């Protein structure tokens, strides 16, 4: 396997959870949890941030870290600034709010890239209708070759007869993989209409006519977006569920 790098974009400003990378989860900064989880997958872990405090914490917990511009429109743009001069064939983007990421999330993405895909991500099947209706949970529909047709915060496909068949709906997990060349292509494109209206950066790829391979995994991750998420994550740790 060619070497791959896990790059973690960690900007300090967050609308729903201020200074999210620094928030404590069971006494430890959130970014530290993400770093430790990623280091269990590969020794090649890099944090791209716009805050010196985040950089210092990442380095303390064993990752490399670099300062990047505070004005990037997406995490992927931030990552490119950090990795453009590094010698890695494959880059996996793990969000800075994914404290429980596992090899089972990352390795299918790397495998898809090795088979020739330019862009890859993962999804998991929804468990209940309430999760499907929640706009914070991004839905993805794929073609017969497992390439994404569209991502949306809305319910897709829309159940015209009113019955949501839960097992047919896929929840996108925001972990992405790129080749070095495809990452460079991504940042060369302007933010598109779909990306802007849905606030989903992966739509930039689809809008530019490229394909994203979606591996369906058996277990989801747990992203931290709100105070409630932080509380639930702490409860999971206390119960020994991760």
Protein backbone atom coordinates (compact mmCIF):
# COMPACT_ATOMS: atom_id res chain seq x y z
CA UNK A 1 0.00 0.00 0.00
CA UNK A 2 1.35 3.40 -0.94
CA UNK A 3 1.66 5.74 2.00
CA UNK A 4 -1.36 7.82 2.81
CA UNK A 5 -1.75 10.85 5.01
CA UNK A 6 -4.64 11.70 7.28
CA UNK A 7 -5.12 15.46 7.21
CA UNK A 8 -7.36 17.06 9.83
CA UNK A 9 -8.74 20.55 9.10
CA UNK A 10 -9.46 22.32 12.38
CA UNK A 11 -10.64 25.91 12.14
CA UNK A 12 -11.30 27.71 15.38
CA UNK A 13 -14.54 29.44 14.36
CA UNK A 14 -17.71 27.38 14.43
CA UNK A 15 -21.22 28.76 14.26
CA UNK A 16 -22.90 26.07 16.33
CA UNK A 17 -20.08 25.25 18.77
CA UNK A 18 -17.62 28.12 19.39
CA UNK A 19 -13.92 27.17 19.49
CA UNK A 20 -14.92 23.57 18.83
CA UNK A 21 -11.41 22.03 18.56
CA UNK A 22 -10.61 23.29 22.06
CA UNK A 23 -13.80 22.13 23.74
CA UNK A 24 -13.20 19.55 26.44
CA UNK A 25 -14.52 16.02 26.07
CA UNK A 26 -14.05 14.14 29.35
CA UNK A 27 -11.28 16.57 30.27
CA UNK A 28 -9.36 16.43 26.98
CA UNK A 29 -9.61 18.84 24.01
CA UNK A 30 -11.71 17.53 21.14
CA UNK A 31 -8.84 17.87 18.65
CA UNK A 32 -6.71 15.65 20.90
CA UNK A 33 -9.29 12.86 20.68
CA UNK A 34 -9.31 13.12 16.89
CA UNK A 35 -5.51 13.04 16.69
CA UNK A 36 -5.23 10.01 18.96
CA UNK A 37 -7.85 8.09 16.99
CA UNK A 38 -6.11 8.86 13.69
CA UNK A 39 -2.70 7.84 15.02
CA UNK A 40 -4.14 4.36 15.66
CA UNK A 41 -4.71 4.12 11.89
CA UNK A 42 -1.46 5.62 10.56
CA UNK A 43 1.57 7.46 11.89
CA UNK A 44 1.11 10.06 9.16
CA UNK A 45 -1.29 12.56 10.72
CA UNK A 46 -1.28 16.29 10.02
CA UNK A 47 -3.52 18.96 11.57
CA UNK A 48 -4.19 22.07 9.46
CA UNK A 49 -5.44 24.89 11.65
CA UNK A 50 -5.75 28.66 11.91
CA UNK A 51 -5.18 28.79 15.66
CA UNK A 52 -1.86 28.43 17.48
CA UNK A 53 -3.51 26.80 20.50
CA UNK A 54 -4.88 24.00 18.34
CA UNK A 55 -1.47 23.54 16.71
CA UNK A 56 0.25 23.15 20.07
CA UNK A 57 -2.31 20.63 21.33
CA UNK A 58 -2.06 18.56 18.14
CA UNK A 59 1.72 18.43 18.43
CA UNK A 60 1.54 17.55 22.12
CA UNK A 61 -0.61 14.52 21.30
CA UNK A 62 1.70 13.27 18.55
CA UNK A 63 0.57 14.78 15.25
CA UNK A 64 2.36 17.19 12.98
CA UNK A 65 0.56 20.52 12.65
CA UNK A 66 0.74 23.59 10.43
CA UNK A 67 -0.81 27.03 10.51
CA UNK A 68 -3.05 27.88 7.55
CA UNK A 69 -5.04 30.86 6.32
CA UNK A 70 -8.21 31.69 8.32
CA UNK A 71 -10.12 32.53 5.13
CA UNK A 72 -10.50 29.14 3.41
CA UNK A 73 -14.06 28.42 2.18
CA UNK A 74 -13.84 24.71 3.10
CA UNK A 75 -11.80 22.19 5.04
CA UNK A 76 -10.52 20.71 1.79
CA UNK A 77 -9.12 24.06 0.70
CA UNK A 78 -7.40 24.31 4.07
CA UNK A 79 -5.92 20.84 3.69
CA UNK A 80 -4.46 21.61 0.28
CA UNK A 81 -2.51 24.55 1.66
CA UNK A 82 -1.05 22.21 4.29
CA UNK A 83 -0.17 19.24 2.06
CA UNK A 84 0.65 20.71 -1.36
CA UNK A 85 4.41 20.30 -0.89
CA UNK A 86 4.27 16.89 0.84
CA UNK A 87 5.01 13.57 -0.89
CA UNK A 88 1.88 11.51 -0.33
CA UNK A 89 -0.10 9.86 -3.12
CA UNK A 90 -3.33 9.70 -1.13
CA UNK A 91 -4.79 12.16 1.35
CA UNK A 92 -7.69 11.33 3.66
CA UNK A 93 -9.61 14.26 5.12
CA UNK A 94 -10.88 13.49 8.63
CA UNK A 95 -12.91 16.33 10.11
CA UNK A 96 -11.60 17.88 13.31
CA UNK A 97 -14.84 16.98 15.09
CA UNK A 98 -14.67 13.17 14.59
CA UNK A 99 -13.24 11.89 17.90
CA UNK A 100 -14.08 8.22 17.33
CA UNK A 101 -12.89 7.69 13.75
CA UNK A 102 -11.65 4.14 13.08
CA UNK A 103 -9.63 2.22 10.51
CA UNK A 104 -12.92 0.78 9.22
CA UNK A 105 -13.83 4.32 8.14
CA UNK A 106 -10.51 5.27 6.55
CA UNK A 107 -9.20 2.11 4.86
CA UNK A 108 -12.17 1.63 2.47
CA UNK A 109 -11.49 5.14 1.21
CA UNK A 110 -7.80 4.41 0.65
CA UNK A 111 -8.75 1.16 -1.09
CA UNK A 112 -11.04 2.98 -3.51
CA UNK A 113 -8.28 5.46 -4.38
CA UNK A 114 -5.84 2.60 -4.99
CA UNK A 115 -8.31 1.13 -7.49
CA UNK A 116 -8.25 4.34 -9.50
CA UNK A 117 -10.98 6.53 -8.02
CA UNK A 118 -10.16 10.24 -7.86
CA UNK A 119 -12.48 11.00 -4.95
CA UNK A 120 -13.87 8.66 -2.30
CA UNK A 121 -15.98 8.83 0.83
CA UNK A 122 -18.15 6.59 3.03
CA UNK A 123 -21.76 6.23 4.12
CA UNK A 124 -23.77 4.09 6.52
CA UNK A 125 -27.39 2.94 6.42
CA UNK A 126 -29.78 4.94 8.59
CA UNK A 127 -31.30 3.29 11.66
CA UNK A 128 -34.53 5.25 12.00
CA UNK A 129 -36.81 7.76 10.31
CA UNK A 130 -36.05 10.57 12.77
CA UNK A 131 -32.39 10.54 11.71
CA UNK A 132 -33.38 10.64 8.05
CA UNK A 133 -35.59 13.71 8.58
CA UNK A 134 -32.86 15.60 10.48
CA UNK A 135 -31.20 18.12 8.09
CA UNK A 136 -27.96 17.89 10.06
CA UNK A 137 -27.65 14.31 8.76
CA UNK A 138 -26.57 14.47 5.13
CA UNK A 139 -28.19 11.97 2.78
CA UNK A 140 -26.50 10.54 -0.31
CA UNK A 141 -27.90 8.62 -3.27
CA UNK A 142 -25.61 6.49 -5.42
CA UNK A 143 -25.72 4.85 -8.84
CA UNK A 144 -25.26 1.14 -9.54
CA UNK A 145 -21.49 1.59 -9.47
CA UNK A 146 -21.54 3.22 -6.03
CA UNK A 147 -20.76 6.69 -7.34
CA UNK A 148 -22.64 9.53 -5.67
CA UNK A 149 -25.45 11.08 -7.68
CA UNK A 150 -26.23 13.77 -5.11
CA UNK A 151 -25.79 14.75 -1.47
CA UNK A 152 -28.46 16.72 0.39
CA UNK A 153 -29.67 17.78 3.79
CA UNK A 154 -33.16 17.08 2.48
CA UNK A 155 -34.67 13.60 2.27
CA UNK A 156 -33.39 11.94 -0.92
CA UNK A 157 -34.84 10.02 -2.58
CA UNK A 158 -38.16 11.66 -1.74
CA UNK A 159 -40.81 9.04 -0.79
CA UNK A 160 -43.69 10.02 -3.09
CA UNK A 161 -46.03 7.48 -1.47
CA UNK A 162 -45.22 8.83 1.99
CA UNK A 163 -43.47 5.69 3.26
CA UNK A 164 -39.79 5.96 4.15
CA UNK A 165 -38.10 2.57 3.75
CA UNK A 166 -35.34 3.11 6.29
CA UNK A 167 -32.87 0.53 4.99
CA UNK A 168 -32.70 2.20 1.58
CA UNK A 169 -31.40 5.54 2.88
CA UNK A 170 -27.70 6.29 3.22
CA UNK A 171 -26.19 8.70 5.72
CA UNK A 172 -23.03 10.37 4.48
CA UNK A 173 -20.04 10.36 6.81
CA UNK A 174 -17.85 13.40 6.18
CA UNK A 175 -14.53 11.64 5.66
CA UNK A 176 -13.03 12.10 2.19
CA UNK A 177 -10.13 10.75 0.19
CA UNK A 178 -8.29 12.30 -2.74
CA UNK A 179 -5.28 11.66 -4.87
CA UNK A 180 -2.79 14.50 -4.82
CA UNK A 181 -3.88 15.52 -8.33
CA UNK A 182 -7.61 15.37 -7.62
CA UNK A 183 -7.15 17.45 -4.48
CA UNK A 184 -5.39 20.09 -6.56
CA UNK A 185 -8.27 20.02 -9.05
CA UNK A 186 -10.80 20.50 -6.25
CA UNK A 187 -9.21 23.68 -4.95
CA UNK A 188 -8.85 25.08 -8.47
CA UNK A 189 -12.64 25.09 -8.88
CA UNK A 190 -14.71 27.97 -7.57
CA UNK A 191 -17.36 27.33 -4.95
CA UNK A 192 -20.47 26.30 -6.86
CA UNK A 193 -24.16 27.06 -6.48
CA UNK A 194 -25.04 23.63 -5.05
CA UNK A 195 -22.19 23.73 -2.55
CA UNK A 196 -23.17 27.22 -1.46
CA UNK A 197 -26.89 26.54 -1.01
CA UNK A 198 -26.55 23.16 0.76
CA UNK A 199 -23.33 24.10 2.61
CA UNK A 200 -21.80 20.80 1.47
CA UNK A 201 -18.32 21.07 -0.03
CA UNK A 202 -18.46 17.64 -1.74
CA UNK A 203 -21.06 19.02 -4.15
CA UNK A 204 -18.26 21.03 -5.77
CA UNK A 205 -16.97 17.73 -7.17
CA UNK A 206 -20.31 16.68 -8.64
CA UNK A 207 -20.97 20.15 -10.00
CA UNK A 208 -17.71 19.92 -11.94
CA UNK A 209 -18.65 16.61 -13.55
CA UNK A 210 -16.42 14.34 -11.47
CA UNK A 211 -17.34 11.16 -9.60
CA UNK A 212 -17.16 10.37 -5.87
CA UNK A 213 -16.99 6.70 -4.93
CA UNK A 214 -19.08 5.85 -1.85
CA UNK A 215 -18.16 2.81 0.27
CA UNK A 216 -21.01 1.67 2.51
CA UNK A 217 -19.61 0.76 5.94
CA UNK A 218 -21.27 -1.12 8.77
CA UNK A 219 -20.72 1.41 11.54
CA UNK A 220 -21.14 5.18 11.54
CA UNK A 221 -18.94 7.74 13.22
CA UNK A 222 -19.93 10.43 15.70
CA UNK A 223 -19.32 14.01 14.63
CA UNK A 224 -19.54 16.81 17.19
CA UNK A 225 -21.57 19.79 15.97
CA UNK A 226 -23.53 20.95 19.02
CA UNK A 227 -23.45 21.07 22.81
CA UNK A 228 -25.84 18.12 22.79
CA UNK A 229 -23.42 16.12 20.64
CA UNK A 230 -20.62 16.88 23.09
CA UNK A 231 -22.77 15.64 25.94
CA UNK A 232 -23.71 12.45 24.07
CA UNK A 233 -20.06 11.77 23.22
CA UNK A 234 -19.10 12.06 26.89
CA UNK A 235 -21.88 9.64 27.80
CA UNK A 236 -20.66 7.15 25.19
CA UNK A 237 -17.16 7.30 26.66
CA UNK A 238 -18.43 6.90 30.20
CA UNK A 239 -20.41 3.82 29.15
CA UNK A 240 -17.36 2.38 27.39
CA UNK A 241 -19.10 2.27 24.01
CA UNK A 242 -16.10 3.53 22.03
